[in-house]
Amino acid sequence: MSALFDLTGRVALVTGSSRGIGNALARALADAGATVVLNGINRERLKSAEAAMAADYPPGRVHSCAFDVTCDAEAARGVAWVEENVGPLEILVNNAGIQHRVPMLELDVKDWERVISTDLTSAFLVGREAARHMIPRGRGKIINICSVQTDLARPTIAPYIAAKGGLRNLTRAMTAEWAASGLQINGIAPGYIHTEMTQNLVDDEQFNAWILGRTPAHRWGTVQDLAGPAVWLASDGSNFVNGQTIFIDGGMTVVV
């Protein structure tokens, strides 16, 4: 049974992985045996993340490649670098994302486009480049990181909601076109996860109380809660799972 979830020898690229959820997912894949490539656009932060992670694994298991996931030429360069310098890319986690909170009536179109580009278009661009290499080999795993906002909505985050809703259907579109070539494309939709980037929300007593009351599990999620599902979707254990979005939210999206 353990062999089903063994990623030894497989190369994984995780976008937006210099910190937060992306970094935790990269570590989960490495713990399962994968060779991982971290990605970000802040070169200093990325190199620091690579050094910190490399200290915990054997030499050659952790790499980094800085490129802009919202640019088609950069996406092609980044995936090509992985193929040429690390090995055949078998696992892609499209995790890069940003948030922008402002009421829609005050939302500048440039901010709308920036969020859509980072949270949705990037998954298309990097996913397409990865698929160009995966399809001829007849295998590959693409995991798109969605959100409870794939299904739900809250005021002031319209572009994020639109992007994450679109990402679920992009996952389906990728499946429709690439599943016959041996690829599995699925989504993970985290609920409210306690990270350094959400610490201010955890510290907000009113918001924290709302999260605890709204979530049947009565707690925030942790990055460790995402590790098992990510490894499963990256492994042979999910070879007949395709086009699905798995909600990891403590039950938030199934109650009213």
Protein backbone atom coordinates (compact mmCIF):
# COMPACT_ATOMS: atom_id res chain seq x y z
CA MET A 1 0.00 0.00 0.00
CA SER A 2 2.78 2.47 0.86
CA ALA A 3 4.13 2.16 -2.69
CA LEU A 4 0.95 3.81 -3.97
CA PHE A 5 1.96 7.07 -2.30
CA ASP A 6 5.73 6.88 -2.81
CA LEU A 7 7.02 9.81 -4.91
CA THR A 8 10.68 8.78 -4.88
CA GLY A 9 12.47 9.88 -8.03
CA ARG A 10 9.66 12.11 -9.27
CA VAL A 11 10.24 15.79 -10.00
CA ALA A 12 7.70 18.28 -8.67
CA LEU A 13 7.40 22.02 -9.34
CA VAL A 14 5.37 24.08 -6.85
CA THR A 15 4.64 27.66 -7.87
CA GLY A 16 4.55 30.37 -5.23
CA SER A 17 6.41 28.16 -2.77
CA SER A 18 8.92 30.40 -1.02
CA ARG A 19 6.57 30.53 1.99
CA GLY A 20 3.09 29.69 3.25
CA ILE A 21 0.94 26.93 1.82
CA GLY A 22 3.15 26.47 -1.24
CA ASN A 23 6.23 25.86 0.87
CA ALA A 24 4.35 23.40 3.09
CA LEU A 25 3.10 21.49 0.04
CA ALA A 26 6.63 21.34 -1.37
CA ARG A 27 7.83 19.87 1.92
CA ALA A 28 5.01 17.32 1.91
CA LEU A 29 5.98 16.14 -1.57
CA ALA A 30 9.65 15.99 -0.56
CA ASP A 31 8.75 13.98 2.54
CA ALA A 32 7.07 11.48 0.20
CA GLY A 33 10.31 11.20 -1.79
CA ALA A 34 9.92 13.76 -4.56
CA THR A 35 12.65 16.05 -5.82
CA VAL A 36 11.11 19.51 -5.55
CA VAL A 37 11.61 22.80 -7.33
CA LEU A 38 10.51 25.91 -5.45
CA ASN A 39 9.29 28.94 -7.38
CA GLY A 40 8.70 32.63 -6.76
CA ILE A 41 9.60 36.04 -8.15
CA ASN A 42 11.43 37.41 -5.11
CA ARG A 43 14.85 35.88 -5.73
CA GLU A 44 16.25 36.64 -2.29
CA ARG A 45 13.28 35.09 -0.47
CA LEU A 46 13.29 32.13 -2.85
CA LYS A 47 16.98 31.37 -2.30
CA SER A 48 16.48 31.65 1.45
CA ALA A 49 13.58 29.19 1.27
CA GLU A 50 15.65 26.81 -0.86
CA ALA A 51 18.54 26.89 1.61
CA ALA A 52 16.25 26.33 4.61
CA MET A 53 14.52 23.39 2.96
CA ALA A 54 17.67 21.84 1.46
CA ALA A 55 19.13 21.54 4.95
CA ASP A 56 16.42 18.98 5.78
CA TYR A 57 16.88 16.68 2.78
CA PRO A 58 19.69 14.83 0.97
CA PRO A 59 21.72 16.81 -1.60
CA GLY A 60 20.01 17.32 -4.94
CA ARG A 61 16.48 16.95 -3.61
CA VAL A 62 15.62 20.68 -3.40
CA HIS A 63 16.03 23.28 -6.14
CA SER A 64 14.55 26.67 -6.99
CA CYS A 65 13.72 28.54 -10.16
CA ALA A 66 12.63 32.17 -10.15
CA PHE A 67 10.19 33.07 -12.91
CA ASP A 68 7.00 35.09 -13.36
CA VAL A 69 4.08 32.65 -13.63
CA THR A 70 1.87 35.32 -15.23
CA CYS A 71 4.10 35.63 -18.33
CA ASP A 72 3.84 32.98 -21.05
CA ALA A 73 7.51 33.27 -22.07
CA GLU A 74 8.65 33.08 -18.44
CA ALA A 75 6.42 30.06 -17.79
CA ALA A 76 7.95 28.30 -20.77
CA ARG A 77 11.46 29.20 -19.60
CA GLY A 78 10.80 28.00 -16.07
CA VAL A 79 9.37 24.62 -17.07
CA ALA A 80 12.17 24.13 -19.61
CA TRP A 81 14.74 24.88 -16.88
CA VAL A 82 13.25 22.18 -14.67
CA GLU A 83 13.28 19.66 -17.52
CA GLU A 84 16.86 20.43 -18.47
CA ASN A 85 18.43 20.87 -15.04
CA VAL A 86 16.44 18.69 -12.63
CA GLY A 87 14.62 16.05 -14.64
CA PRO A 88 11.32 15.17 -16.34
CA LEU A 89 8.53 17.12 -14.65
CA GLU A 90 5.90 14.69 -13.34
CA ILE A 91 4.11 16.80 -10.72
CA LEU A 92 3.01 20.43 -10.99
CA VAL A 93 1.29 22.27 -8.16
CA ASN A 94 -0.22 25.57 -9.32
CA ASN A 95 -0.23 27.39 -6.00
CA ALA A 96 0.79 30.97 -6.85
CA GLY A 97 -1.84 33.45 -5.76
CA ILE A 98 -2.53 36.88 -4.29
CA GLN A 99 -5.43 38.62 -2.58
CA HIS A 100 -6.77 42.17 -2.91
CA ARG A 101 -9.51 43.38 -0.57
CA VAL A 102 -11.63 46.32 -1.71
CA PRO A 103 -15.36 46.78 -2.45
CA MET A 104 -16.21 46.19 -6.11
CA LEU A 105 -17.48 49.73 -6.60
CA GLU A 106 -14.01 50.95 -5.65
CA LEU A 107 -12.03 48.22 -7.42
CA ASP A 108 -9.54 49.44 -10.01
CA VAL A 109 -9.55 47.32 -13.16
CA LYS A 110 -5.76 46.98 -12.92
CA ASP A 111 -6.12 45.31 -9.53
CA TRP A 112 -8.85 43.04 -10.91
CA GLU A 113 -6.57 42.00 -13.77
CA ARG A 114 -3.58 41.52 -11.47
CA VAL A 115 -5.45 39.06 -9.26
CA ILE A 116 -7.01 37.18 -12.19
CA SER A 117 -3.62 36.94 -13.89
CA THR A 118 -1.83 35.64 -10.80
CA ASP A 119 -4.53 33.33 -9.44
CA LEU A 120 -6.04 31.94 -12.66
CA THR A 121 -4.11 32.74 -15.83
CA SER A 122 -0.84 31.54 -14.29
CA ALA A 123 -2.30 28.05 -13.81
CA PHE A 124 -3.21 27.97 -17.49
CA LEU A 125 0.23 29.18 -18.59
CA VAL A 126 2.37 26.95 -16.36
CA GLY A 127 -0.05 24.04 -16.68
CA ARG A 128 0.05 24.23 -20.46
CA GLU A 129 3.85 24.25 -20.52
CA ALA A 130 4.01 21.31 -18.14
CA ALA A 131 1.49 19.40 -20.26
CA ARG A 132 3.57 19.93 -23.39
CA HIS A 133 6.23 17.76 -21.72
CA MET A 134 3.95 15.38 -19.83
CA ILE A 135 1.68 14.39 -22.73
CA PRO A 136 4.39 12.79 -24.91
CA ARG A 137 5.50 10.74 -21.87
CA GLY A 138 1.93 9.63 -21.17
CA ARG A 139 1.88 10.59 -17.49
CA GLY A 140 1.74 13.59 -15.20
CA LYS A 141 -0.05 15.13 -12.23
CA ILE A 142 -1.31 18.72 -12.08
CA ILE A 143 -2.79 20.01 -8.83
CA ASN A 144 -4.48 23.42 -8.89
CA ILE A 145 -4.84 25.13 -5.52
CA CYS A 146 -8.35 26.53 -5.32
CA SER A 147 -10.16 27.79 -2.20
CA VAL A 148 -13.47 27.65 -0.36
CA GLN A 149 -14.08 30.79 -2.42
CA THR A 150 -14.27 28.42 -5.38
CA ASP A 151 -17.78 27.74 -4.03
CA LEU A 152 -18.50 30.62 -1.65
CA ALA A 153 -18.37 34.40 -1.72
CA ARG A 154 -17.54 37.16 0.73
CA PRO A 155 -17.64 40.94 0.29
CA THR A 156 -14.54 42.85 -0.90
CA ILE A 157 -12.68 39.95 -2.61
CA ALA A 158 -14.49 39.76 -5.97
CA PRO A 159 -11.44 39.14 -8.21
CA TYR A 160 -10.21 36.35 -5.93
CA ILE A 161 -13.64 34.69 -5.95
CA ALA A 162 -13.85 34.95 -9.74
CA ALA A 163 -10.34 33.54 -10.16
CA LYS A 164 -10.83 30.60 -7.80
CA GLY A 165 -14.19 29.74 -9.35
CA GLY A 166 -12.55 29.83 -12.76
CA LEU A 167 -9.71 27.64 -11.53
CA ARG A 168 -12.12 24.79 -10.77
CA ASN A 169 -13.46 24.92 -14.31
CA LEU A 170 -9.94 25.24 -15.73
CA THR A 171 -9.19 22.00 -13.86
CA ARG A 172 -12.15 20.42 -15.63
CA ALA A 173 -11.09 21.81 -19.00
CA MET A 174 -7.57 20.43 -18.58
CA THR A 175 -9.08 17.05 -17.73
CA ALA A 176 -11.32 17.12 -20.79
CA GLU A 177 -8.34 17.71 -23.07
CA TRP A 178 -5.47 15.87 -21.37
CA ALA A 179 -6.84 12.91 -19.39
CA ALA A 180 -6.73 10.65 -22.45
CA SER A 181 -2.98 11.28 -22.60
CA GLY A 182 -2.44 9.85 -19.12
CA LEU A 183 -2.56 13.04 -17.07
CA GLN A 184 -4.56 13.54 -13.88
CA ILE A 185 -5.57 17.12 -13.13
CA ASN A 186 -7.34 17.91 -9.87
CA GLY A 187 -7.86 20.75 -7.45
CA ILE A 188 -7.42 21.22 -3.73
CA ALA A 189 -9.69 23.82 -2.12
CA PRO A 190 -8.36 24.79 1.32
CA GLY A 191 -10.60 26.40 3.88
CA TYR A 192 -9.26 29.04 6.23
CA ILE A 193 -5.69 27.98 6.91
CA HIS A 194 -3.57 29.46 9.72
CA THR A 195 -0.34 30.72 8.15
CA GLU A 196 1.87 33.77 8.55
CA MET A 197 -0.19 35.40 5.80
CA THR A 198 -3.48 34.91 7.69
CA GLN A 199 -2.15 35.70 11.15
CA ASN A 200 -3.83 39.09 11.15
CA LEU A 201 -7.20 37.38 10.59
CA VAL A 202 -6.53 34.90 13.40
CA ASP A 203 -5.69 37.83 15.66
CA ASP A 204 -8.96 39.60 14.78
CA GLU A 205 -11.22 38.41 17.61
CA GLN A 206 -14.46 39.02 15.74
CA PHE A 207 -13.30 37.31 12.54
CA ASN A 208 -11.71 34.43 14.44
CA ALA A 209 -14.97 33.83 16.32
CA TRP A 210 -16.85 33.83 13.03
CA ILE A 211 -14.47 31.22 11.54
CA LEU A 212 -14.75 28.95 14.57
CA GLY A 213 -18.53 29.22 14.54
CA ARG A 214 -18.84 28.77 10.78
CA THR A 215 -16.57 25.69 10.61
CA PRO A 216 -18.04 22.40 11.90
CA ALA A 217 -14.54 21.24 12.95
CA HIS A 218 -14.45 24.41 15.11
CA ARG A 219 -10.86 25.31 14.27
CA TRP A 220 -8.65 26.86 11.63
CA GLY A 221 -6.97 24.47 9.22
CA THR A 222 -3.21 23.98 9.27
CA VAL A 223 -0.79 23.49 6.40
CA GLN A 224 -0.33 19.93 7.65
CA ASP A 225 -4.01 19.29 6.89
CA LEU A 226 -3.21 19.82 3.20
CA ALA A 227 -0.17 17.52 3.07
CA GLY A 228 -1.95 14.16 2.80
CA PRO A 229 -4.41 15.19 0.07
CA ALA A 230 -1.58 16.77 -1.94
CA VAL A 231 0.59 13.65 -1.75
CA TRP A 232 -2.41 11.48 -2.65
CA LEU A 233 -3.23 13.55 -5.75
CA ALA A 234 0.46 13.56 -6.76
CA SER A 235 0.78 9.79 -6.38
CA ASP A 236 -0.31 6.63 -8.18
CA GLY A 237 -2.99 6.29 -5.52
CA SER A 238 -5.12 8.78 -7.48
CA ASN A 239 -4.58 7.48 -11.01
CA PHE A 240 -8.32 7.31 -11.77
CA VAL A 241 -9.19 10.60 -10.07
CA ASN A 242 -9.59 13.37 -12.62
CA GLY A 243 -11.20 16.79 -12.80
CA GLN A 244 -12.15 16.85 -9.11
CA THR A 245 -11.82 19.66 -6.61
CA ILE A 246 -11.31 18.35 -3.07
CA PHE A 247 -12.47 20.73 -0.33
CA ILE A 248 -10.29 20.63 2.79
CA ASP A 249 -12.23 23.03 4.96
CA GLY A 250 -13.36 21.29 8.16
CA GLY A 251 -16.85 21.05 6.68
CA MET A 252 -17.38 24.78 6.06
CA THR A 253 -18.85 24.40 2.57
CA VAL A 254 -21.41 21.72 3.50
CA VAL A 255 -23.31 23.59 6.19
CA VAL A 256 -25.47 26.72 6.27
